[in-house]
Amino acid sequence: MKKIEAVIRHEKLNQVKAALEAIDISGMTVQEVRGRGEQKGLEFINRAGKYRVDLLPKMLVTIVVPDEKADAIVDALIQGARTGEIGDGKIFISQVERCIRIRTGEEGDEAL
């Protein structure tokens, strides 16, 4: 099993969900997070002067899937989240050792 975590722009969440639903993926966990990368935040100028917001709001989408679905999900995430501009986000893929469905006690791919 693979755990896929994607840090994306807030405004791209609906497109990401639609891209995932198009490949029959509906299960996901979504969290509001803050972070920074190459972009190093944004600088604004107002009447009081310049100020920098260096931790930008992002969305963290987490999906755990059987190994064979991982590549299709990564492609869907890229399709839904890409703007071509700096700050589009990152995708992290890691191995999941074990998964258990609490309600039934099922394990492994059956628990997904």
C-alpha atoms as a PDB file:
ATOM      1  CA  MET A   1       0.000   0.000   0.000  1.00  0.00           C
ATOM      2  CA  LYS A   2       1.077   3.563  -0.657  1.00  0.00           C
ATOM      3  CA  LYS A   3       0.323   6.747   1.245  1.00  0.00           C
ATOM      4  CA  ILE A   4       0.159   9.724  -1.100  1.00  0.00           C
ATOM      5  CA  GLU A   5       0.245  13.207   0.428  1.00  0.00           C
ATOM      6  CA  ALA A   6      -0.215  16.248  -1.783  1.00  0.00           C
ATOM      7  CA  VAL A   7       0.264  19.830  -0.640  1.00  0.00           C
ATOM      8  CA  ILE A   8      -1.792  21.969  -3.017  1.00  0.00           C
ATOM      9  CA  ARG A   9      -3.242  25.443  -3.409  1.00  0.00           C
ATOM     10  CA  HIS A  10      -6.592  26.088  -1.660  1.00  0.00           C
ATOM     11  CA  GLU A  11      -8.265  27.117  -4.882  1.00  0.00           C
ATOM     12  CA  LYS A  12      -7.295  23.869  -6.646  1.00  0.00           C
ATOM     13  CA  LEU A  13      -9.025  21.509  -4.201  1.00  0.00           C
ATOM     14  CA  ASN A  14     -12.224  21.159  -6.244  1.00  0.00           C
ATOM     15  CA  GLN A  15     -10.272  20.402  -9.423  1.00  0.00           C
ATOM     16  CA  VAL A  16      -8.173  17.813  -7.563  1.00  0.00           C
ATOM     17  CA  LYS A  17     -11.295  16.147  -6.156  1.00  0.00           C
ATOM     18  CA  ALA A  18     -12.859  16.073  -9.635  1.00  0.00           C
ATOM     19  CA  ALA A  19      -9.705  14.566 -11.160  1.00  0.00           C
ATOM     20  CA  LEU A  20      -9.640  11.874  -8.466  1.00  0.00           C
ATOM     21  CA  GLU A  21     -13.350  11.114  -8.840  1.00  0.00           C
ATOM     22  CA  ALA A  22     -12.796  10.702 -12.601  1.00  0.00           C
ATOM     23  CA  ILE A  23     -10.561   7.700 -11.805  1.00  0.00           C
ATOM     24  CA  ASP A  24     -12.981   6.348  -9.144  1.00  0.00           C
ATOM     25  CA  ILE A  25     -11.056   7.563  -6.089  1.00  0.00           C
ATOM     26  CA  SER A  26     -13.358   9.055  -3.472  1.00  0.00           C
ATOM     27  CA  GLY A  27     -11.616   8.331  -0.159  1.00  0.00           C
ATOM     28  CA  MET A  28      -9.268  11.047   1.046  1.00  0.00           C
ATOM     29  CA  THR A  29      -8.426  13.133   4.065  1.00  0.00           C
ATOM     30  CA  VAL A  30      -8.091  16.885   3.583  1.00  0.00           C
ATOM     31  CA  GLN A  31      -6.480  19.297   6.055  1.00  0.00           C
ATOM     32  CA  GLU A  32      -5.832  23.017   5.994  1.00  0.00           C
ATOM     33  CA  VAL A  33      -2.124  23.604   6.578  1.00  0.00           C
ATOM     34  CA  ARG A  34       0.423  26.410   6.290  1.00  0.00           C
ATOM     35  CA  GLY A  35       3.829  26.201   4.728  1.00  0.00           C
ATOM     36  CA  ARG A  36       6.432  27.600   2.414  1.00  0.00           C
ATOM     37  CA  GLY A  37       8.823  26.355  -0.191  1.00  0.00           C
ATOM     38  CA  GLU A  38      10.676  27.997  -3.053  1.00  0.00           C
ATOM     39  CA  GLN A  39       8.128  30.784  -3.022  1.00  0.00           C
ATOM     40  CA  LYS A  40       9.218  31.853   0.492  1.00  0.00           C
ATOM     41  CA  GLY A  41       5.893  33.565   1.065  1.00  0.00           C
ATOM     42  CA  LEU A  42       4.440  36.731  -0.390  1.00  0.00           C
ATOM     43  CA  GLU A  43       5.385  40.372   0.098  1.00  0.00           C
ATOM     44  CA  PHE A  44       2.665  42.997   0.315  1.00  0.00           C
ATOM     45  CA  ILE A  45       2.774  46.777   0.346  1.00  0.00           C
ATOM     46  CA  ASN A  46       0.128  48.859   2.065  1.00  0.00           C
ATOM     47  CA  ARG A  47      -0.089  52.289   3.709  1.00  0.00           C
ATOM     48  CA  ALA A  48       1.922  51.093   6.687  1.00  0.00           C
ATOM     49  CA  GLY A  49       4.749  49.809   4.468  1.00  0.00           C
ATOM     50  CA  LYS A  50       5.990  46.429   3.299  1.00  0.00           C
ATOM     51  CA  TYR A  51       5.216  43.200   5.083  1.00  0.00           C
ATOM     52  CA  ARG A  52       5.818  39.534   4.289  1.00  0.00           C
ATOM     53  CA  VAL A  53       3.528  36.564   4.839  1.00  0.00           C
ATOM     54  CA  ASP A  54       5.965  33.668   4.842  1.00  0.00           C
ATOM     55  CA  LEU A  55       3.688  30.756   5.782  1.00  0.00           C
ATOM     56  CA  LEU A  56       1.022  30.489   3.110  1.00  0.00           C
ATOM     57  CA  PRO A  57      -2.267  28.607   3.492  1.00  0.00           C
ATOM     58  CA  LYS A  58      -2.315  25.293   1.622  1.00  0.00           C
ATOM     59  CA  MET A  59      -4.371  22.104   1.564  1.00  0.00           C
ATOM     60  CA  LEU A  60      -2.935  18.698   2.456  1.00  0.00           C
ATOM     61  CA  VAL A  61      -4.694  15.825   0.661  1.00  0.00           C
ATOM     62  CA  THR A  62      -3.861  12.352   1.994  1.00  0.00           C
ATOM     63  CA  ILE A  63      -4.836   9.141   0.202  1.00  0.00           C
ATOM     64  CA  VAL A  64      -3.876   5.530   1.010  1.00  0.00           C
ATOM     65  CA  VAL A  65      -4.251   3.103  -1.892  1.00  0.00           C
ATOM     66  CA  PRO A  66      -3.084  -0.270  -3.198  1.00  0.00           C
ATOM     67  CA  ASP A  67       0.316  -0.047  -4.909  1.00  0.00           C
ATOM     68  CA  GLU A  68      -1.092  -0.493  -8.416  1.00  0.00           C
ATOM     69  CA  LYS A  69      -3.286   2.636  -8.189  1.00  0.00           C
ATOM     70  CA  ALA A  70      -0.524   4.997  -7.019  1.00  0.00           C
ATOM     71  CA  ASP A  71       0.695   6.164 -10.447  1.00  0.00           C
ATOM     72  CA  ALA A  72      -2.813   6.968 -11.699  1.00  0.00           C
ATOM     73  CA  ILE A  73      -3.516   8.961  -8.546  1.00  0.00           C
ATOM     74  CA  VAL A  74      -0.286  10.938  -8.858  1.00  0.00           C
ATOM     75  CA  ASP A  75      -1.196  11.774 -12.477  1.00  0.00           C
ATOM     76  CA  ALA A  76      -4.686  12.906 -11.393  1.00  0.00           C
ATOM     77  CA  LEU A  77      -3.245  15.054  -8.599  1.00  0.00           C
ATOM     78  CA  ILE A  78      -0.854  16.746 -11.016  1.00  0.00           C
ATOM     79  CA  GLN A  79      -3.626  17.285 -13.558  1.00  0.00           C
ATOM     80  CA  GLY A  80      -5.943  18.840 -10.965  1.00  0.00           C
ATOM     81  CA  ALA A  81      -3.405  20.930  -9.054  1.00  0.00           C
ATOM     82  CA  ARG A  82      -1.004  22.297 -11.678  1.00  0.00           C
ATOM     83  CA  THR A  83      -1.125  25.979 -12.610  1.00  0.00           C
ATOM     84  CA  GLY A  84       2.427  26.173 -13.920  1.00  0.00           C
ATOM     85  CA  GLU A  85       3.300  28.857 -11.389  1.00  0.00           C
ATOM     86  CA  ILE A  86       5.593  28.671  -8.381  1.00  0.00           C
ATOM     87  CA  GLY A  87       3.690  27.470  -5.309  1.00  0.00           C
ATOM     88  CA  ASP A  88       1.731  24.653  -6.991  1.00  0.00           C
ATOM     89  CA  GLY A  89       2.818  22.267  -4.224  1.00  0.00           C
ATOM     90  CA  LYS A  90       4.428  18.874  -3.755  1.00  0.00           C
ATOM     91  CA  ILE A  91       3.458  15.197  -3.746  1.00  0.00           C
ATOM     92  CA  PHE A  92       5.004  12.762  -1.274  1.00  0.00           C
ATOM     93  CA  ILE A  93       4.665   8.978  -1.624  1.00  0.00           C
ATOM     94  CA  SER A  94       5.533   6.558   1.163  1.00  0.00           C
ATOM     95  CA  GLN A  95       5.030   2.885   1.935  1.00  0.00           C
ATOM     96  CA  VAL A  96       2.244   1.918   4.372  1.00  0.00           C
ATOM     97  CA  GLU A  97       3.108  -1.096   6.473  1.00  0.00           C
ATOM     98  CA  ARG A  98      -0.361  -1.946   7.729  1.00  0.00           C
ATOM     99  CA  CYS A  99      -3.963  -0.751   7.476  1.00  0.00           C
ATOM    100  CA  ILE A 100      -6.862  -1.922   9.653  1.00  0.00           C
ATOM    101  CA  ARG A 101     -10.533  -1.004   9.279  1.00  0.00           C
ATOM    102  CA  ILE A 102     -11.752  -0.325  12.812  1.00  0.00           C
ATOM    103  CA  ARG A 103     -15.395  -1.313  12.193  1.00  0.00           C
ATOM    104  CA  THR A 104     -14.708  -4.801  10.786  1.00  0.00           C
ATOM    105  CA  GLY A 105     -11.111  -5.604  11.668  1.00  0.00           C
ATOM    106  CA  GLU A 106     -10.264  -6.139   7.979  1.00  0.00           C
ATOM    107  CA  GLU A 107      -6.606  -5.613   7.114  1.00  0.00           C
ATOM    108  CA  GLY A 108      -4.547  -4.683   4.082  1.00  0.00           C
ATOM    109  CA  ASP A 109      -6.108  -3.729   0.754  1.00  0.00           C
ATOM    110  CA  GLU A 110      -9.518  -5.009   1.924  1.00  0.00           C
ATOM    111  CA  ALA A 111      -9.510  -2.342   4.633  1.00  0.00           C
ATOM    112  CA  LEU A 112      -9.150   0.439   2.084  1.00  0.00           C
END
